[in-house]
Protein backbone atom coordinates (compact mmCIF):
# COMPACT_ATOMS: atom_id res chain seq x y z
CA MET A 1 0.00 0.00 0.00
CA PHE A 2 3.01 2.27 0.54
CA ILE A 3 3.69 2.52 -3.19
CA VAL A 4 0.17 3.57 -4.12
CA LYS A 5 -0.20 5.88 -1.13
CA TYR A 6 2.97 7.85 -1.92
CA ARG A 7 2.61 7.63 -5.70
CA ASN A 8 3.04 11.39 -6.19
CA LEU A 9 6.56 11.14 -4.81
CA PHE A 10 7.48 8.54 -7.42
CA PHE A 11 5.77 10.54 -10.17
CA ILE A 12 7.86 13.60 -9.26
CA LEU A 13 11.06 11.53 -9.28
CA SER A 14 10.25 10.16 -12.73
CA GLY A 15 9.32 13.63 -13.96
CA ILE A 16 12.71 14.97 -12.88
CA THR A 17 14.60 12.16 -14.61
CA ILE A 18 12.57 12.61 -17.80
CA LEU A 19 13.30 16.34 -17.86
CA PHE A 20 16.99 15.58 -17.32
CA SER A 21 16.88 13.09 -20.20
CA PHE A 22 15.31 15.61 -22.58
CA TYR A 23 17.90 18.17 -21.50
CA ALA A 24 20.67 15.66 -22.27
CA MET A 25 19.18 14.99 -25.71
CA PHE A 26 19.12 18.68 -26.63
CA ALA A 27 22.34 19.69 -24.86
CA LYS A 28 24.51 16.75 -25.89
CA GLY A 29 22.73 15.69 -29.05
CA PHE A 30 22.89 12.24 -30.62
CA ASN A 31 26.43 11.03 -31.18
CA LEU A 32 25.54 8.90 -34.19
CA GLY A 33 27.76 5.92 -34.79
CA MET A 34 28.92 4.55 -38.11
CA ASP A 35 25.72 2.51 -38.51
CA PHE A 36 23.64 5.68 -38.79
CA SER A 37 26.05 8.35 -40.03
CA GLY A 38 28.11 6.21 -42.39
CA GLY A 39 31.80 5.45 -42.14
CA SER A 40 34.37 2.68 -41.91
CA ILE A 41 35.59 0.50 -39.08
CA MET A 42 38.79 -1.51 -38.93
CA GLU A 43 39.89 -3.86 -36.18
CA VAL A 44 43.53 -4.91 -35.97
CA SER A 45 45.51 -7.11 -33.63
CA TYR A 46 49.09 -6.48 -32.47
CA ASP A 47 51.64 -8.77 -30.93
CA ALA A 48 52.28 -5.87 -28.55
CA ILE A 49 50.06 -2.83 -28.99
CA PRO A 50 51.99 0.46 -29.31
CA PRO A 51 51.19 3.45 -27.08
CA ILE A 52 47.81 4.89 -28.08
CA GLU A 53 49.29 8.38 -28.45
CA THR A 54 51.81 7.05 -30.95
CA ILE A 55 48.98 5.53 -33.00
CA LYS A 56 46.94 8.75 -32.89
CA ASN A 57 49.91 10.84 -34.02
CA ALA A 58 50.52 8.46 -36.91
CA LEU A 59 46.84 8.66 -37.94
CA ASP A 60 46.89 12.47 -37.85
CA LYS A 61 50.00 12.65 -40.03
CA ALA A 62 48.45 10.22 -42.53
CA GLY A 63 45.31 12.35 -42.91
CA PHE A 64 42.99 10.38 -40.65
CA SER A 65 42.49 13.16 -38.12
CA ASP A 66 38.81 12.23 -37.70
CA ALA A 67 39.66 8.67 -36.70
CA ARG A 68 38.49 7.42 -33.31
CA THR A 69 40.42 4.64 -31.62
CA GLN A 70 39.27 2.12 -29.04
CA ILE A 71 41.35 -0.58 -27.37
CA ALA A 72 39.59 -3.95 -27.40
CA GLY A 73 40.96 -6.71 -25.24
CA THR A 74 44.69 -6.85 -24.60
CA ASN A 75 46.28 -6.21 -27.98
CA ASP A 76 43.38 -5.38 -30.31
CA LEU A 77 42.52 -1.93 -31.60
CA ILE A 78 39.32 -0.66 -33.24
CA VAL A 79 39.54 2.39 -35.51
CA LYS A 80 36.44 4.23 -36.78
CA THR A 81 36.68 6.87 -39.48
CA HIS A 82 34.86 8.32 -42.50
CA ALA A 83 33.89 6.00 -45.34
CA LEU A 84 37.12 4.85 -47.00
CA SER A 85 37.94 3.81 -50.52
CA GLU A 86 40.05 0.72 -51.11
CA ILE A 87 43.18 2.85 -51.51
CA GLU A 88 42.44 4.71 -48.26
CA ARG A 89 41.81 1.42 -46.53
CA GLN A 90 45.26 0.14 -47.51
CA LYS A 91 46.79 3.42 -46.36
CA LEU A 92 45.04 3.14 -43.00
CA SER A 93 46.27 -0.43 -42.57
CA GLU A 94 49.83 0.63 -43.35
CA THR A 95 49.56 3.56 -40.96
CA LEU A 96 48.42 1.34 -38.09
CA ALA A 97 51.56 -0.77 -38.53
CA VAL A 98 53.39 1.82 -36.43
CA SER A 99 57.21 1.66 -36.64
CA GLY A 100 57.03 -1.72 -38.33
CA THR A 101 55.03 -3.28 -35.48
CA LYS A 102 53.70 -6.72 -36.37
CA MET A 103 49.99 -6.29 -36.97
CA GLU A 104 47.11 -8.32 -38.40
CA GLU A 105 43.90 -6.87 -39.83
CA LYS A 106 40.99 -8.80 -38.31
CA ARG A 107 38.02 -7.11 -39.95
CA PHE A 108 36.97 -4.13 -42.03
CA SER A 109 33.50 -2.84 -42.90
CA SER A 110 32.14 0.33 -44.44
CA ILE A 111 28.69 1.91 -44.63
CA GLY A 112 27.77 4.83 -46.91
CA PRO A 113 25.88 7.87 -45.58
CA THR A 114 22.76 7.02 -47.63
CA ILE A 115 22.46 3.60 -46.05
CA GLY A 116 23.10 5.15 -42.65
CA LYS A 117 20.17 7.55 -43.03
CA GLU A 118 17.95 4.69 -44.20
CA LEU A 119 18.89 2.72 -41.08
CA GLN A 120 17.98 5.75 -38.93
CA SER A 121 14.53 5.91 -40.47
CA LYS A 122 13.94 2.18 -40.15
CA ALA A 123 15.13 2.09 -36.54
CA PHE A 124 12.76 4.92 -35.54
CA THR A 125 9.85 3.27 -37.36
CA LEU A 126 10.61 -0.05 -35.70
CA VAL A 127 10.53 1.44 -32.19
CA ILE A 128 7.20 3.19 -32.87
CA MET A 129 5.66 0.02 -34.33
CA VAL A 130 6.76 -2.03 -31.33
CA ILE A 131 5.24 0.48 -28.89
CA LEU A 132 1.93 0.56 -30.80
CA GLY A 133 1.90 -3.23 -31.07
CA ILE A 134 2.42 -3.63 -27.34
CA MET A 135 -0.33 -1.11 -26.57
CA LEU A 136 -2.82 -2.96 -28.79
CA PHE A 137 -1.81 -6.32 -27.34
CA ILE A 138 -2.34 -5.13 -23.75
CA ALA A 139 -5.73 -3.66 -24.66
CA TYR A 140 -6.73 -6.97 -26.25
CA ALA A 141 -5.36 -9.13 -23.42
CA PHE A 142 -7.36 -7.14 -20.86
CA ARG A 143 -10.47 -6.83 -23.05
CA HIS A 144 -12.65 -8.56 -20.44
CA VAL A 145 -11.67 -6.01 -17.80
CA SER A 146 -14.08 -3.10 -17.94
CA GLU A 147 -14.48 -2.10 -14.30
CA PRO A 148 -13.50 0.17 -12.73
CA ILE A 149 -11.48 1.30 -15.79
CA SER A 150 -11.62 0.15 -19.41
CA SER A 151 -9.14 -2.30 -20.95
CA TRP A 152 -7.74 0.25 -23.42
CA LYS A 153 -6.56 2.36 -20.49
CA TYR A 154 -4.24 -0.48 -19.44
CA GLY A 155 -2.74 -0.25 -22.91
CA VAL A 156 -2.29 3.53 -22.70
CA VAL A 157 -0.66 3.30 -19.26
CA THR A 158 1.69 0.60 -20.57
CA THR A 159 2.64 2.85 -23.50
CA LEU A 160 3.39 5.78 -21.17
CA THR A 161 5.50 3.47 -19.03
CA LEU A 162 7.43 2.21 -22.06
CA LEU A 163 8.16 5.78 -23.18
CA HIS A 164 9.49 6.47 -19.67
CA ASP A 165 11.64 3.34 -19.86
CA ILE A 166 13.38 4.29 -23.10
CA ILE A 167 13.64 8.06 -22.58
CA VAL A 168 15.41 7.86 -19.20
CA PRO A 169 18.13 5.32 -20.15
CA ALA A 170 18.64 7.06 -23.50
CA GLY A 171 19.09 10.40 -21.74
CA ILE A 172 21.71 9.00 -19.36
CA PHE A 173 23.44 7.28 -22.29
CA LEU A 174 23.60 10.50 -24.31
CA TRP A 175 24.70 12.59 -21.33
CA LEU A 176 27.73 10.33 -20.99
CA GLY A 177 28.58 10.94 -24.64
CA LYS A 178 28.07 7.34 -25.72
CA GLU A 179 27.74 6.44 -29.38
CA VAL A 180 24.31 5.69 -30.84
CA ASP A 181 24.39 2.70 -33.18
CA THR A 182 22.26 -0.33 -34.04
CA LEU A 183 23.11 -1.96 -30.69
CA PHE A 184 21.57 1.13 -29.05
CA VAL A 185 18.28 0.36 -30.81
CA VAL A 186 18.52 -3.33 -29.95
CA ALA A 187 19.06 -2.41 -26.29
CA LEU A 188 15.98 -0.14 -26.29
CA LEU A 189 13.83 -2.88 -27.81
CA THR A 190 15.13 -5.36 -25.22
CA ILE A 191 14.39 -2.87 -22.43
CA MET A 192 10.81 -2.53 -23.68
CA GLY A 193 10.42 -6.30 -23.66
CA VAL A 194 11.66 -6.63 -20.08
CA SER A 195 9.59 -3.66 -18.92
CA VAL A 196 6.32 -4.80 -20.48
CA HIS A 197 6.84 -8.27 -18.97
CA ASP A 198 7.07 -6.81 -15.47
CA THR A 199 4.10 -4.53 -16.09
CA ILE A 200 1.94 -7.38 -17.37
CA VAL A 201 2.76 -9.48 -14.29
CA VAL A 202 1.39 -6.73 -12.03
CA PHE A 203 -1.58 -5.94 -14.27
CA ASP A 204 -2.49 -9.60 -14.49
CA ARG A 205 -2.53 -9.86 -10.71
CA ILE A 206 -4.77 -6.78 -10.56
CA ARG A 207 -7.11 -8.44 -13.06
CA GLU A 208 -7.27 -11.64 -11.02
CA ASN A 209 -7.91 -9.73 -7.80
CA LEU A 210 -10.69 -7.77 -9.49
CA LYS A 211 -12.31 -11.05 -10.56
CA THR A 212 -12.16 -12.46 -7.03
CA HIS A 213 -13.41 -9.17 -5.56
CA LEU A 214 -10.44 -8.82 -3.23
CA SER A 215 -11.76 -5.38 -2.34
CA ASN A 216 -14.43 -2.98 -3.53
CA ASP A 217 -11.82 -0.23 -3.42
CA PHE A 218 -9.60 -0.10 -6.53
CA PHE A 219 -6.88 1.67 -4.52
CA THR A 220 -6.70 -1.29 -2.13
CA THR A 221 -6.82 -3.87 -4.94
CA VAL A 222 -3.86 -2.28 -6.74
CA GLY A 223 -1.89 -1.92 -3.50
CA LYS A 224 -2.41 -5.58 -2.56
CA SER A 225 -1.53 -6.70 -6.10
CA LEU A 226 1.75 -4.81 -5.93
CA GLU A 227 2.57 -6.41 -2.59
CA GLN A 228 1.90 -9.87 -4.04
CA THR A 229 4.13 -9.37 -7.08
CA PHE A 230 6.85 -7.09 -5.68
CA THR A 231 9.32 -9.80 -4.65
CA ARG A 232 8.95 -11.75 -7.90
CA SER A 233 9.49 -8.68 -10.08
CA VAL A 234 12.54 -7.50 -8.14
CA ASN A 235 14.18 -10.95 -8.01
CA THR A 236 13.65 -11.53 -11.74
CA SER A 237 15.15 -8.15 -12.63
CA LEU A 238 18.11 -8.59 -10.28
CA THR A 239 18.93 -11.87 -12.02
CA VAL A 240 18.88 -10.18 -15.43
CA MET A 241 20.95 -7.26 -14.14
CA LEU A 242 23.55 -9.67 -12.76
CA VAL A 243 23.90 -11.37 -16.14
CA VAL A 244 24.15 -8.02 -17.94
CA ALA A 245 26.76 -6.77 -15.44
CA THR A 246 28.80 -9.90 -16.13
CA LEU A 247 28.61 -9.17 -19.87
CA TYR A 248 29.77 -5.59 -19.22
CA PHE A 249 32.80 -6.50 -17.10
CA PHE A 250 33.89 -9.70 -18.84
CA GLY A 251 32.43 -9.37 -22.34
CA PRO A 252 34.09 -7.91 -25.45
CA ALA A 253 34.66 -4.17 -25.71
CA SER A 254 32.21 -3.92 -28.62
CA THR A 255 29.27 -4.82 -26.34
CA LYS A 256 30.15 -2.70 -23.29
CA ASP A 257 27.94 0.25 -24.24
CA PHE A 258 25.12 -2.14 -25.14
CA SER A 259 25.28 -3.95 -21.78
CA PHE A 260 25.63 -0.63 -19.92
CA LEU A 261 22.47 0.77 -21.52
CA LEU A 262 20.64 -2.52 -20.99
CA TRP A 263 21.57 -2.59 -17.29
CA ILE A 264 20.21 0.92 -16.77
CA GLY A 265 17.09 0.08 -18.78
CA VAL A 266 16.28 -3.05 -16.76
CA PHE A 267 16.63 -1.06 -13.54
CA VAL A 268 14.42 1.77 -14.82
CA GLY A 269 11.92 -0.68 -16.31
CA THR A 270 11.55 -2.53 -13.02
CA TYR A 271 11.08 0.74 -11.18
CA SER A 272 8.41 1.98 -13.59
CA SER A 273 6.43 -1.26 -13.66
CA ILE A 274 6.15 -1.20 -9.87
CA PHE A 275 6.15 2.48 -8.92
CA ILE A 276 4.64 4.15 -12.00
CA ALA A 277 2.36 1.89 -14.09
CA SER A 278 -0.07 0.61 -11.47
CA PRO A 279 -0.27 3.90 -9.52
CA LEU A 280 -1.18 5.57 -12.83
CA LEU A 281 -4.20 3.26 -13.03
CA VAL A 282 -5.27 4.46 -9.59
CA VAL A 283 -4.91 8.10 -10.67
CA TRP A 284 -6.97 7.46 -13.81
CA GLU A 285 -9.68 5.71 -11.79
CA LYS A 286 -9.91 8.62 -9.35
CA LEU A 287 -10.10 11.18 -12.17
CA GLN A 288 -12.77 9.06 -13.82
CA ASN A 289 -14.87 9.07 -10.65
CA LYS A 290 -14.57 12.84 -10.30
CA ALA A 291 -15.68 13.43 -13.89
């Protein structure tokens, strides 16, 4: 009952984090990765990696001043730059062989700016379609629930919760200057899946308690439903967060940002499904009664 009783406190907290996230989006902007802006990526492996400053100086002198370097593992290096021709690719490979250091090119890929923009459009469309699909599914799944609030309102509340769950992690991600690529979109979609699962668990318990007439007061029914599902939701999310943390600390460098965003998203999604979604139903029911 504590969660529902002090719901305004949790609403204010979420409001502050959402405002911060929007501020981060406008202040920092979207640091689009190669997948969306176009460019080339090369990964090389050294027997003994040279000092990173030495590599950067060599890249600058060779005309790759826009190149961004990232150490991966012990002796691997990832270099991202503008879209390269075959001649420029060979030049980059030769440049990375600093002072005759033994080096092996492990992979190279390039994406043009046109394809990058197309991926941006498709990624945005995909996220919108997923949100709409989830809203319609929730409305259909709860179609037999009409009292005290209609089934479609469960779908709307779920949609609002999902927007909360992708805006907040995205804002934190952008504030830290992380790169937005296809893994960023995959992480957001995964976050939505985890979040809607937790929300449905609570909503389903509310539905069952309404059927059994646990209480004539919707406020009490929601509060009891949250108490009954709280431990399960938290334990499930903690398990997922532990796995994601393991991926972050022990996984490859290429998935660190992905696992970081996913960890934040699971935390935020668990919070919203417990402290935001169900209390919003209570608020809607009270407004409905006043109307």
